[in-house]
N, C-alpha and C. Protein backbone atom coordinates (compact mmCIF):
# COMPACT_ATOMS: atom_id res chain seq x y z
N MET A 1 79.99 116.12 123.15
CA MET A 1 80.03 115.02 122.22
C MET A 1 78.68 114.84 121.53
N ALA A 2 77.70 115.63 121.90
CA ALA A 2 76.37 115.52 121.32
C ALA A 2 76.37 115.76 119.82
N GLU A 3 77.37 116.46 119.29
CA GLU A 3 77.41 116.75 117.87
C GLU A 3 77.83 115.56 117.03
N LEU A 4 78.35 114.50 117.65
CA LEU A 4 78.77 113.31 116.90
C LEU A 4 77.56 112.44 116.59
N THR A 5 77.49 111.96 115.36
CA THR A 5 76.41 111.04 115.00
C THR A 5 76.74 109.65 115.55
N GLY A 6 75.75 108.80 115.55
CA GLY A 6 75.97 107.43 115.99
C GLY A 6 76.97 106.70 115.11
N VAL A 7 76.93 106.96 113.82
CA VAL A 7 77.86 106.32 112.89
C VAL A 7 79.29 106.80 113.17
N ARG A 8 79.42 108.08 113.45
CA ARG A 8 80.76 108.64 113.75
C ARG A 8 81.31 108.04 115.04
N LYS A 9 80.45 107.93 116.05
CA LYS A 9 80.88 107.32 117.31
C LYS A 9 81.28 105.86 117.09
N ALA A 10 80.51 105.14 116.30
CA ALA A 10 80.84 103.74 116.01
C ALA A 10 82.17 103.64 115.29
N ALA A 11 82.42 104.53 114.35
CA ALA A 11 83.68 104.53 113.63
C ALA A 11 84.85 104.80 114.57
N ILE A 12 84.69 105.75 115.46
CA ILE A 12 85.74 106.07 116.43
C ILE A 12 85.98 104.87 117.35
N LEU A 13 84.91 104.25 117.80
CA LEU A 13 85.04 103.07 118.66
C LEU A 13 85.80 101.96 117.96
N LEU A 14 85.44 101.68 116.73
CA LEU A 14 86.10 100.60 115.99
C LEU A 14 87.58 100.88 115.78
N VAL A 15 87.93 102.12 115.49
CA VAL A 15 89.34 102.48 115.33
C VAL A 15 90.08 102.26 116.65
N GLN A 16 89.44 102.61 117.76
CA GLN A 16 90.07 102.43 119.07
C GLN A 16 90.23 100.96 119.44
N LEU A 17 89.34 100.11 118.93
CA LEU A 17 89.42 98.68 119.22
C LEU A 17 90.62 98.01 118.55
N GLY A 18 91.03 98.54 117.43
CA GLY A 18 92.11 97.91 116.68
C GLY A 18 91.55 96.99 115.60
N THR A 19 92.39 96.62 114.67
CA THR A 19 91.95 95.88 113.49
C THR A 19 91.29 94.55 113.81
N SER A 20 91.91 93.77 114.64
CA SER A 20 91.40 92.42 114.92
C SER A 20 90.02 92.45 115.59
N ASP A 21 89.88 93.23 116.65
CA ASP A 21 88.59 93.29 117.35
C ASP A 21 87.53 94.01 116.53
N ALA A 22 87.95 95.05 115.81
CA ALA A 22 86.99 95.76 114.95
C ALA A 22 86.46 94.84 113.86
N ALA A 23 87.32 94.00 113.32
CA ALA A 23 86.89 93.04 112.28
C ALA A 23 85.86 92.07 112.83
N LYS A 24 86.03 91.65 114.07
CA LYS A 24 85.06 90.74 114.69
C LYS A 24 83.69 91.41 114.80
N VAL A 25 83.70 92.66 115.21
CA VAL A 25 82.44 93.41 115.32
C VAL A 25 81.81 93.58 113.94
N MET A 26 82.61 94.00 112.99
CA MET A 26 82.08 94.30 111.65
C MET A 26 81.55 93.06 110.95
N SER A 27 82.04 91.89 111.33
CA SER A 27 81.55 90.65 110.70
C SER A 27 80.08 90.38 111.01
N HIS A 28 79.52 91.08 111.98
CA HIS A 28 78.12 90.90 112.37
C HIS A 28 77.18 91.93 111.73
N LEU A 29 77.74 92.84 110.94
CA LEU A 29 76.94 93.91 110.36
C LEU A 29 76.38 93.55 108.99
N LYS A 30 75.28 94.22 108.64
CA LYS A 30 74.71 94.08 107.30
C LYS A 30 75.61 94.80 106.31
N GLU A 31 75.46 94.46 105.04
CA GLU A 31 76.26 95.07 103.98
C GLU A 31 76.14 96.60 103.98
N SER A 32 74.92 97.08 104.11
CA SER A 32 74.71 98.54 104.09
C SER A 32 75.36 99.21 105.29
N GLU A 33 75.33 98.56 106.44
CA GLU A 33 75.96 99.10 107.63
C GLU A 33 77.49 99.12 107.47
N LEU A 34 78.01 98.06 106.87
CA LEU A 34 79.46 98.00 106.61
C LEU A 34 79.90 99.14 105.71
N GLU A 35 79.15 99.38 104.66
CA GLU A 35 79.49 100.45 103.73
C GLU A 35 79.46 101.81 104.40
N GLU A 36 78.42 102.06 105.17
CA GLU A 36 78.27 103.35 105.85
C GLU A 36 79.39 103.55 106.88
N LEU A 37 79.66 102.53 107.64
CA LEU A 37 80.68 102.61 108.68
C LEU A 37 82.09 102.73 108.09
N THR A 38 82.36 101.99 107.04
CA THR A 38 83.66 102.07 106.38
C THR A 38 83.89 103.46 105.80
N ALA A 39 82.86 104.01 105.19
CA ALA A 39 82.98 105.36 104.64
C ALA A 39 83.26 106.37 105.76
N GLU A 40 82.64 106.19 106.90
CA GLU A 40 82.86 107.10 108.03
C GLU A 40 84.28 106.95 108.58
N ILE A 41 84.78 105.73 108.63
CA ILE A 41 86.16 105.51 109.09
C ILE A 41 87.13 106.22 108.15
N VAL A 42 86.88 106.16 106.85
CA VAL A 42 87.72 106.85 105.87
C VAL A 42 87.72 108.36 106.13
N ARG A 43 86.55 108.91 106.47
CA ARG A 43 86.41 110.35 106.70
C ARG A 43 86.98 110.80 108.05
N LEU A 44 87.21 109.89 108.95
CA LEU A 44 87.61 110.24 110.31
C LEU A 44 88.87 111.10 110.38
N GLY A 45 89.91 110.66 109.74
CA GLY A 45 91.17 111.36 109.90
C GLY A 45 91.67 111.19 111.32
N SER A 46 92.24 112.23 111.86
CA SER A 46 92.78 112.20 113.23
C SER A 46 91.65 112.48 114.22
N VAL A 47 91.62 111.70 115.30
CA VAL A 47 90.61 111.88 116.35
C VAL A 47 91.32 112.34 117.62
N GLU A 48 90.85 113.44 118.17
CA GLU A 48 91.43 113.94 119.42
C GLU A 48 91.26 112.90 120.52
N SER A 49 92.27 112.78 121.37
CA SER A 49 92.23 111.77 122.43
C SER A 49 91.04 111.99 123.37
N ALA A 50 90.68 113.23 123.64
CA ALA A 50 89.54 113.51 124.52
C ALA A 50 88.23 113.02 123.90
N VAL A 51 88.10 113.16 122.59
CA VAL A 51 86.90 112.69 121.89
C VAL A 51 86.85 111.16 121.92
N ALA A 52 87.98 110.52 121.64
CA ALA A 52 88.05 109.06 121.67
C ALA A 52 87.72 108.54 123.07
N GLU A 53 88.23 109.21 124.09
CA GLU A 53 87.95 108.80 125.46
C GLU A 53 86.47 108.94 125.79
N ASP A 54 85.85 110.04 125.35
CA ASP A 54 84.42 110.24 125.57
C ASP A 54 83.59 109.13 124.91
N VAL A 55 83.96 108.76 123.70
CA VAL A 55 83.24 107.70 122.98
C VAL A 55 83.39 106.37 123.73
N LEU A 56 84.59 106.07 124.17
CA LEU A 56 84.83 104.82 124.91
C LEU A 56 84.06 104.80 126.23
N MET A 57 84.01 105.92 126.91
CA MET A 57 83.27 106.00 128.17
C MET A 57 81.77 105.82 127.94
N GLU A 58 81.25 106.45 126.89
CA GLU A 58 79.83 106.30 126.58
C GLU A 58 79.51 104.84 126.26
N PHE A 59 80.38 104.19 125.50
CA PHE A 59 80.17 102.78 125.17
C PHE A 59 80.18 101.93 126.44
N GLU A 60 81.13 102.19 127.33
CA GLU A 60 81.20 101.43 128.58
C GLU A 60 79.94 101.61 129.41
N GLU A 61 79.46 102.85 129.49
CA GLU A 61 78.24 103.12 130.25
C GLU A 61 77.04 102.40 129.67
N LEU A 62 76.92 102.43 128.35
CA LEU A 62 75.80 101.75 127.70
C LEU A 62 75.90 100.24 127.87
N ALA A 63 77.10 99.70 127.75
CA ALA A 63 77.30 98.26 127.90
C ALA A 63 76.99 97.82 129.33
N THR A 64 77.40 98.62 130.29
CA THR A 64 77.12 98.31 131.70
C THR A 64 75.63 98.35 131.97
N ALA A 65 74.97 99.37 131.49
CA ALA A 65 73.52 99.49 131.71
C ALA A 65 72.79 98.33 131.05
N LYS A 66 73.22 97.93 129.86
CA LYS A 66 72.57 96.83 129.16
C LYS A 66 72.74 95.52 129.90
N ARG A 67 73.90 95.35 130.54
CA ARG A 67 74.16 94.11 131.28
C ARG A 67 73.12 93.92 132.37
N TYR A 68 72.66 95.01 132.95
CA TYR A 68 71.68 94.93 134.02
C TYR A 68 70.24 95.02 133.52
N ALA A 69 70.05 95.14 132.21
CA ALA A 69 68.71 95.37 131.66
C ALA A 69 67.74 94.25 131.99
N GLY A 70 68.21 93.02 132.07
CA GLY A 70 67.35 91.89 132.38
C GLY A 70 67.10 91.75 133.87
N GLU A 71 67.77 92.55 134.66
CA GLU A 71 67.64 92.48 136.11
C GLU A 71 67.09 93.80 136.62
N GLY A 72 66.27 93.73 137.61
CA GLY A 72 65.82 94.94 138.26
C GLY A 72 66.66 95.16 139.51
N GLY A 73 66.17 95.91 140.41
CA GLY A 73 66.82 96.05 141.69
C GLY A 73 67.81 97.20 141.77
N ILE A 74 68.49 97.25 142.88
CA ILE A 74 69.39 98.35 143.20
C ILE A 74 70.58 98.41 142.25
N ALA A 75 71.14 97.27 141.86
CA ALA A 75 72.30 97.27 140.97
C ALA A 75 71.95 97.89 139.62
N TYR A 76 70.79 97.54 139.10
CA TYR A 76 70.36 98.11 137.82
C TYR A 76 70.11 99.61 137.96
N ALA A 77 69.42 99.99 139.01
CA ALA A 77 69.12 101.41 139.22
C ALA A 77 70.41 102.22 139.34
N LYS A 78 71.38 101.70 140.07
CA LYS A 78 72.66 102.41 140.22
C LYS A 78 73.37 102.53 138.88
N ALA A 79 73.45 101.45 138.12
CA ALA A 79 74.11 101.48 136.81
C ALA A 79 73.42 102.46 135.87
N LEU A 80 72.12 102.48 135.91
CA LEU A 80 71.35 103.38 135.06
C LEU A 80 71.61 104.84 135.43
N LEU A 81 71.61 105.14 136.71
CA LEU A 81 71.87 106.50 137.15
C LEU A 81 73.29 106.94 136.80
N GLU A 82 74.27 106.06 137.01
CA GLU A 82 75.64 106.40 136.67
C GLU A 82 75.80 106.63 135.17
N ALA A 83 75.15 105.81 134.37
CA ALA A 83 75.23 105.97 132.91
C ALA A 83 74.56 107.27 132.47
N SER A 84 73.52 107.66 133.16
CA SER A 84 72.78 108.87 132.79
C SER A 84 73.42 110.15 133.31
N LEU A 85 73.86 110.11 134.53
CA LEU A 85 74.30 111.33 135.20
C LEU A 85 75.80 111.38 135.46
N GLY A 86 76.47 110.25 135.35
CA GLY A 86 77.89 110.20 135.66
C GLY A 86 78.10 109.77 137.10
N LYS A 87 79.28 109.29 137.41
CA LYS A 87 79.57 108.79 138.74
C LYS A 87 79.67 109.90 139.79
N GLU A 88 79.95 111.11 139.34
CA GLU A 88 80.13 112.23 140.27
C GLU A 88 78.85 112.59 141.02
N ARG A 89 77.71 112.41 140.36
CA ARG A 89 76.43 112.81 140.97
C ARG A 89 75.90 111.68 141.71
């Protein structure tokens, strides 16, 4: 998934969220960000389910790690390692 740009990943994520939730997210963006993201959504076409799943998993890992960002300790360290290396390691 390293070949996907951040904008492409964001577009895939928004499509996976559905219209209502994606609209809530997009309402917080700057005009230039909206234009760039909308253009990328137009270019998306069909997204393979494995790619969509990878994007959703990456988002979940980042969101989980961010939740612990204000906290130190074992819970943060574990979340950070899982986000970096995966749960298998």
